[in-house]
Every structure is written in structure tokens, then in C-alpha cells.
Amino acid sequence: MKFISLKPALTVAALFCTLFIASAQDHRLTDSLYIEHEENKDQPVKVLHAEPLYIDLIRDLGARKGEREWNVGLGLTDKETYDEYTGLVEYEWAPADRLGLEVELPFSLHYPVSGNTSAPGNTLNSLKMAGQYSFFVSERISTSMAIGYIHEFELTDFDGYDHRQLVTGNVYNPFFIAAKRWGQNFHTLLYTGPQFFHHFEGNAVHTVWQVNSNVHYMIPGTRNFVGIEFNKEFHDKDFDMTIRPQMRVGIADNLLIGIVTGIPGKRENERFSTFLRLIYEPGH
């Protein structure tokens, strides 16, 4: 009986295993160096976390004094009777360690579809100001926590500037954030809090509870990631959820682009949506 030698196959298998282990070790080394660079032991403690792209944070958790960032966002939402084009311009900065501040101008443009003749007015939605403080940052367990507050001055639509009250209401939004990195690449984050909408007309107030949970995988040795947001709202015995798959890609050392798709849990008056965020970080 003639036996076939397994030595060549075993040699190839051994070589493949060696290359695989070396590649995994190289990725782990690259990740470790990148995380060490981001967390920088010579500065105040900070843990690297993936930041969601749609409901974003005021500033990085564990922000360091001098950090700053410009964001420009553009989105499209397919509504039942009209298309909504949204945008925002925001500036965020850290005037002190662990403290982040933000000013944002969000706007909406509406166009009727499917034979409809009317749509909501076009508007600069609000003047939005916010602060966030990271009260817990632990490198040992790769966890950060923060509290914050967002205040919005809601504005009338463009057509009403000459004959209506400019500020039509306030939105009060305290929130809590908890984030954890699992190993070197997987990230989870919870962002939650109530929104109190106070409309001057009729002096009405209603409350919406936000519970936003996120899971991300950061590509080894980069700031790029893929992930998903679950944006949930509870109000008036009703529940709405939009699932937002997303990815972030670095196109330069200080420039990133984020791409988000919105999938509604149920199509009451909103269908699919898309959102694009351009992130620019000046040197600091």
C-alpha cells in the first residue's frame, strides 16, 4: 500500500497558523499603541470610546482642556406626505478637563410629495446650547460616566419672522451617559434622559423620555468604526424606535466622515432616512 505524505500539508498549515498568530499579535500591538496614544498617560485620565453619530455627545467622555471640534450634518427623511431635509452646524469645546460645552444651530426644510400641496414651514429649529461633565473615568475597567444638560430655544419658521413671536418655546433636556470599552475594539454606550417641551402658545408642556443604546466595533489601529444606534422614545403611552446602522471613516488626521441610515421600528408617519456628519478637529 502506498502512503501519501502529510508533511507538505502540515507544513502549509503550520505556516498559515504562524502567519495568523503573527497578524493577530500585530493587530493587538497596533490597537494597544493607538489606545495608548489616544489616552496619553501624561495628561488627565481619559478612556477611548466610540461616539455615536446621530445622537452625538457634547464632547468626548473625559474631555481634556483645549479639545475642540466642528460638526456639519446633512440628512434626509422620507415622511408620509413630504420630504424633510435637515442640517446642523455645531461647535464643541472643552474649557476645562472633563467639561464639554456645545452650541448648535439645527435647521429643517420641507417639500411636499405624492401630490400633496402643503408641508410644514422651513425653519431654523432652535438655538441649542449644552454642557456635559464626566464625573467618572476609570482606565482599569475602561468605563466612563457623565451627566449633562441641553437647552433649546425653539424658533418660529422663516415665514413668520416679520409677524410672529421669534422664540416659540423651550426644551429642557438633562441626560446621563455611561460607556464601556470591552477589550480593545468593542464599545457600548447608553445615553438617556427626559425632554420637557414647553410651548408658549397655550403654555403647554409635554415630556418625552429618550433611551439611546449603542454598540460599535472600532477597526484595529484606527478611528474608523461600524456600529448601530437604537434611538428609543417613550411619550403619552406610546413607544417609537429608530434603528440606525452607521460607520465612521477618517479621511485625514483631523477630519472624519460619518454615514448613518435610519430604519423606523414602525411606519406611522416616518419612513427611511439618511444622515451624513462631517467632523473636523482643529489642532489643540
Protein backbone atom coordinates (compact mmCIF):
# COMPACT_ATOMS: atom_id res chain seq x y z
CA MET A 1 0.00 0.00 0.00
CA LYS A 2 1.32 3.42 -0.93
CA PHE A 3 1.07 6.07 1.77
CA ILE A 4 0.65 9.76 0.92
CA SER A 5 2.92 12.01 2.93
CA LEU A 6 1.08 14.63 5.01
CA LYS A 7 4.26 16.57 5.66
CA PRO A 8 3.69 19.27 2.94
CA ALA A 9 0.10 19.87 4.11
CA LEU A 10 1.17 20.03 7.73
CA THR A 11 3.93 22.45 6.79
CA VAL A 12 1.47 24.73 4.98
CA ALA A 13 -0.97 24.53 7.91
CA ALA A 14 1.80 25.38 10.36
CA LEU A 15 2.87 28.33 8.20
CA PHE A 16 -0.74 29.57 7.99
CA CYS A 17 -1.16 29.32 11.77
CA THR A 18 2.11 31.17 12.31
CA LEU A 19 1.05 33.97 9.97
CA PHE A 20 -2.42 34.17 11.57
CA ILE A 21 -0.98 34.38 15.08
CA ALA A 22 1.59 36.96 13.97
CA SER A 23 -1.18 39.02 12.29
CA ALA A 24 -3.37 38.85 15.41
CA GLN A 25 -0.44 39.87 17.57
CA ASP A 26 0.35 42.72 15.17
CA HIS A 27 -3.29 43.94 15.36
CA ARG A 28 -3.21 43.74 19.15
CA LEU A 29 0.05 45.69 19.22
CA THR A 30 -1.35 48.30 16.81
CA ASP A 31 -4.52 48.63 18.92
CA SER A 32 -2.51 48.94 22.11
CA LEU A 33 -0.29 51.66 20.61
CA TYR A 34 -3.31 53.54 19.25
CA ILE A 35 -5.22 53.37 22.53
CA GLU A 36 -2.09 54.43 24.43
CA HIS A 37 -1.68 57.38 22.04
CA GLU A 38 -5.31 58.45 22.48
CA GLU A 39 -5.36 58.03 26.25
CA ASN A 40 -1.86 59.56 26.72
CA LYS A 41 -0.60 58.86 30.24
CA ASP A 42 1.00 62.34 30.52
CA GLN A 43 -2.44 64.01 30.52
CA PRO A 44 -5.55 63.65 32.72
CA VAL A 45 -7.12 60.18 32.63
CA LYS A 46 -9.27 59.51 29.56
CA VAL A 47 -10.71 56.29 28.12
CA LEU A 48 -11.15 55.85 24.37
CA HIS A 49 -14.84 55.34 23.50
CA ALA A 50 -16.71 55.22 20.17
CA GLU A 51 -19.10 58.18 19.95
CA PRO A 52 -22.49 57.63 18.25
CA LEU A 53 -23.07 59.67 15.09
CA TYR A 54 -26.76 60.59 15.24
CA ILE A 55 -27.38 61.41 18.92
CA ASP A 56 -23.80 62.51 19.48
CA LEU A 57 -22.11 63.60 22.70
CA ILE A 58 -21.40 67.18 23.70
CA ARG A 59 -17.69 66.34 23.87
CA ASP A 60 -15.60 63.19 24.33
CA LEU A 61 -16.12 61.49 27.67
CA GLY A 62 -13.23 62.51 29.91
CA ALA A 63 -12.58 65.54 27.69
CA ARG A 64 -9.28 67.35 28.13
CA LYS A 65 -8.92 71.12 28.31
CA GLY A 66 -8.37 72.65 24.88
CA GLU A 67 -10.12 69.98 22.82
CA ARG A 68 -12.49 71.37 20.20
CA GLU A 69 -14.48 70.18 17.23
CA TRP A 70 -16.68 71.46 14.37
CA ASN A 71 -19.55 69.33 13.03
CA VAL A 72 -21.64 69.81 9.90
CA GLY A 73 -24.55 67.44 9.40
CA LEU A 74 -26.97 66.87 6.50
CA GLY A 75 -29.94 64.50 6.47
CA LEU A 76 -32.99 63.41 4.50
CA THR A 77 -36.12 61.81 5.99
CA ASP A 78 -38.94 60.34 3.90
CA LYS A 79 -42.16 61.39 5.64
CA GLU A 80 -45.69 60.30 4.72
CA THR A 81 -46.67 63.48 2.83
CA TYR A 82 -43.41 65.40 2.48
CA ASP A 83 -39.63 65.07 2.41
CA GLU A 84 -37.67 66.66 5.24
CA TYR A 85 -34.13 67.90 4.62
CA THR A 86 -32.27 68.57 7.85
CA GLY A 87 -28.93 70.10 8.67
CA LEU A 88 -26.87 71.34 11.56
CA VAL A 89 -23.77 73.30 12.34
CA GLU A 90 -22.24 72.81 15.78
CA TYR A 91 -19.13 73.80 17.67
CA GLU A 92 -17.99 71.96 20.79
CA TRP A 93 -15.04 72.61 23.05
CA ALA A 94 -13.57 71.74 26.46
CA PRO A 95 -12.78 74.84 28.58
CA ALA A 96 -11.59 72.57 31.43
CA ASP A 97 -10.70 68.92 31.94
CA ARG A 98 -13.78 66.64 31.77
CA LEU A 99 -16.09 69.55 30.89
CA GLY A 100 -17.57 69.92 27.39
CA LEU A 101 -19.70 72.74 26.00
CA GLU A 102 -21.60 73.00 22.72
CA VAL A 103 -23.52 75.47 20.58
CA GLU A 104 -25.63 74.10 17.72
CA LEU A 105 -27.88 75.51 15.01
CA PRO A 106 -30.19 72.83 13.54
CA PHE A 107 -32.49 73.61 10.59
CA SER A 108 -35.21 71.86 8.56
CA LEU A 109 -36.52 72.31 5.02
CA HIS A 110 -39.75 70.61 3.90
CA TYR A 111 -41.06 69.76 0.44
CA PRO A 112 -44.49 68.16 -0.31
CA VAL A 113 -44.54 64.86 -2.23
CA SER A 114 -47.08 62.41 -3.70
CA GLY A 115 -49.37 65.14 -4.97
CA ASN A 116 -49.65 66.99 -1.66
CA THR A 117 -49.75 70.76 -1.83
CA SER A 118 -48.59 71.67 1.65
CA ALA A 119 -45.79 70.87 4.08
CA PRO A 120 -44.52 72.34 7.37
CA GLY A 121 -42.68 75.64 7.11
CA ASN A 122 -38.93 75.82 6.63
CA THR A 123 -37.18 76.80 9.83
CA LEU A 124 -34.08 77.27 11.87
CA ASN A 125 -35.36 74.86 14.50
CA SER A 126 -33.66 76.29 17.56
CA LEU A 127 -30.63 77.76 19.22
CA LYS A 128 -29.21 74.83 21.13
CA MET A 129 -26.71 75.13 23.99
CA ALA A 130 -25.36 72.28 26.08
CA GLY A 131 -22.87 71.23 28.74
CA GLN A 132 -21.53 67.83 29.80
CA TYR A 133 -19.32 66.79 32.71
CA SER A 134 -17.59 63.41 33.03
CA PHE A 135 -17.79 62.60 36.73
CA PHE A 136 -16.35 59.06 36.47
CA VAL A 137 -13.41 57.92 34.31
CA SER A 138 -11.71 54.57 35.01
CA GLU A 139 -8.92 53.16 32.87
CA ARG A 140 -8.90 49.98 34.96
CA ILE A 141 -12.41 48.97 33.89
CA SER A 142 -12.44 51.04 30.64
CA THR A 143 -15.60 52.86 31.75
CA SER A 144 -16.73 56.50 31.75
CA MET A 145 -19.89 58.21 33.01
CA ALA A 146 -21.20 61.74 32.53
CA ILE A 147 -24.15 63.99 33.23
CA GLY A 148 -25.24 66.95 31.14
CA TYR A 149 -27.92 69.40 30.16
CA ILE A 150 -29.21 70.68 26.82
CA HIS A 151 -31.34 73.81 26.49
CA GLU A 152 -33.07 74.73 23.24
CA PHE A 153 -34.80 77.99 22.35
CA GLU A 154 -37.33 76.90 19.73
CA LEU A 155 -37.83 79.34 16.86
CA THR A 156 -40.71 80.10 14.51
CA ASP A 157 -40.45 79.24 10.82
CA PHE A 158 -38.83 81.62 8.33
CA ASP A 159 -42.18 82.93 7.01
CA GLY A 160 -43.17 84.09 10.49
CA TYR A 161 -40.15 86.23 11.30
CA ASP A 162 -41.91 89.50 10.46
CA HIS A 163 -45.22 88.96 12.27
CA ARG A 164 -44.85 86.14 14.85
CA GLN A 165 -43.01 85.73 18.11
CA LEU A 166 -39.44 84.63 17.26
CA VAL A 167 -38.98 82.24 20.20
CA THR A 168 -41.94 79.86 20.44
CA GLY A 169 -40.85 77.65 23.35
CA ASN A 170 -38.10 75.96 25.33
CA VAL A 171 -36.81 72.40 25.52
CA TYR A 172 -35.20 71.28 28.78
CA ASN A 173 -33.13 68.11 28.49
CA PRO A 174 -30.99 66.73 31.37
CA PHE A 175 -29.22 63.49 30.47
CA PHE A 176 -26.95 60.71 31.73
CA ILE A 177 -24.28 58.78 29.80
CA ALA A 178 -22.48 55.53 30.63
CA ALA A 179 -19.92 53.98 28.25
CA LYS A 180 -17.66 50.93 28.39
CA ARG A 181 -14.99 49.53 26.09
CA TRP A 182 -14.86 45.73 26.03
CA GLY A 183 -11.31 44.63 25.27
CA GLN A 184 -9.73 46.85 22.63
CA ASN A 185 -12.34 47.07 19.87
CA PHE A 186 -15.92 46.67 21.11
CA HIS A 187 -17.73 49.68 22.59
CA THR A 188 -21.14 50.11 24.23
CA LEU A 189 -22.83 53.33 25.34
CA LEU A 190 -26.11 54.34 26.97
CA TYR A 191 -27.49 57.88 26.63
CA THR A 192 -30.76 58.60 28.41
CA GLY A 193 -32.87 61.39 29.88
CA PRO A 194 -36.20 63.26 29.66
CA GLN A 195 -37.03 66.09 27.27
CA PHE A 196 -39.53 68.66 28.53
CA PHE A 197 -41.12 70.63 25.69
CA HIS A 198 -42.62 73.93 26.88
CA HIS A 199 -44.67 75.66 24.16
CA PHE A 200 -45.52 79.29 24.87
CA GLU A 201 -48.76 79.10 22.89
CA GLY A 202 -51.25 77.65 25.34
CA ASN A 203 -48.47 77.30 27.91
CA ALA A 204 -48.44 73.55 27.24
CA VAL A 205 -45.73 71.16 28.46
CA HIS A 206 -45.20 67.57 27.36
CA THR A 207 -42.48 65.07 28.16
CA VAL A 208 -40.56 62.60 26.01
CA TRP A 209 -38.14 60.07 27.51
CA GLN A 210 -35.12 59.18 25.39
CA VAL A 211 -33.24 55.89 25.80
CA ASN A 212 -30.44 55.59 23.26
CA SER A 213 -28.29 52.46 23.31
CA ASN A 214 -25.28 51.91 21.06
CA VAL A 215 -22.87 49.15 20.05
CA HIS A 216 -19.75 49.81 17.94
CA TYR A 217 -16.73 47.92 16.67
CA MET A 218 -13.64 50.06 16.11
CA ILE A 219 -11.37 48.90 13.29
CA PRO A 220 -7.95 47.89 14.72
CA GLY A 221 -5.43 50.71 14.93
CA THR A 222 -7.78 53.38 13.52
CA ARG A 223 -10.57 55.77 14.50
CA ASN A 224 -12.87 54.10 11.96
CA PHE A 225 -15.82 52.10 13.22
CA VAL A 226 -19.04 50.34 12.29
CA GLY A 227 -21.95 50.18 14.67
CA ILE A 228 -25.60 50.68 15.39
CA GLU A 229 -27.74 53.10 17.40
CA PHE A 230 -31.12 52.19 18.86
CA ASN A 231 -32.90 55.54 19.39
CA LYS A 232 -35.99 54.95 21.54
CA GLU A 233 -38.65 57.42 22.72
CA PHE A 234 -41.44 56.95 25.26
CA HIS A 235 -44.28 59.50 25.39
CA ASP A 236 -48.01 59.55 26.10
CA LYS A 237 -48.16 55.74 26.44
CA ASP A 238 -46.53 55.45 23.02
CA PHE A 239 -43.20 53.94 22.03
CA ASP A 240 -41.10 54.73 18.95
CA MET A 241 -37.74 53.31 17.93
CA THR A 242 -35.44 54.05 15.03
CA ILE A 243 -32.55 51.70 14.27
CA ARG A 244 -29.53 53.49 12.83
CA PRO A 245 -26.68 51.40 11.33
CA GLN A 246 -23.64 53.61 10.84
CA MET A 247 -19.97 53.87 10.01
CA ARG A 248 -17.24 56.43 10.57
CA VAL A 249 -14.18 56.82 8.37
CA GLY A 250 -11.13 59.01 8.87
CA ILE A 251 -10.14 60.84 5.67
CA ALA A 252 -7.35 62.87 7.30
CA ASP A 253 -5.71 63.12 10.73
CA ASN A 254 -8.23 65.74 11.86
CA LEU A 255 -11.16 65.05 9.52
CA LEU A 256 -13.74 62.26 9.74
CA ILE A 257 -16.98 61.48 7.96
CA GLY A 258 -19.92 59.59 9.45
CA ILE A 259 -22.70 57.90 7.45
CA VAL A 260 -25.98 56.88 9.11
CA THR A 261 -29.10 55.10 7.84
CA GLY A 262 -32.38 55.33 9.77
CA ILE A 263 -34.86 52.43 9.82
CA PRO A 264 -38.09 53.18 11.77
CA GLY A 265 -39.49 50.48 14.03
CA LYS A 266 -42.98 51.26 12.71
CA ARG A 267 -44.03 53.48 9.83
CA GLU A 268 -46.56 55.81 11.37
CA ASN A 269 -45.51 58.98 9.56
CA GLU A 270 -41.77 58.43 9.02
CA ARG A 271 -40.01 56.08 6.63
CA PHE A 272 -36.33 55.58 5.86
CA SER A 273 -33.78 58.33 6.47
CA THR A 274 -30.14 59.06 5.86
CA PHE A 275 -27.71 61.32 7.69
CA LEU A 276 -24.17 62.47 6.95
CA ARG A 277 -21.87 64.06 9.54
CA LEU A 278 -18.57 65.79 8.74
CA ILE A 279 -16.28 66.12 11.79
CA TYR A 280 -13.33 68.50 11.87
CA GLU A 281 -10.96 68.70 14.85
CA PRO A 282 -8.64 71.74 14.81
CA GLY A 283 -5.27 71.24 16.45
CA HIS A 284 -5.11 71.80 20.20
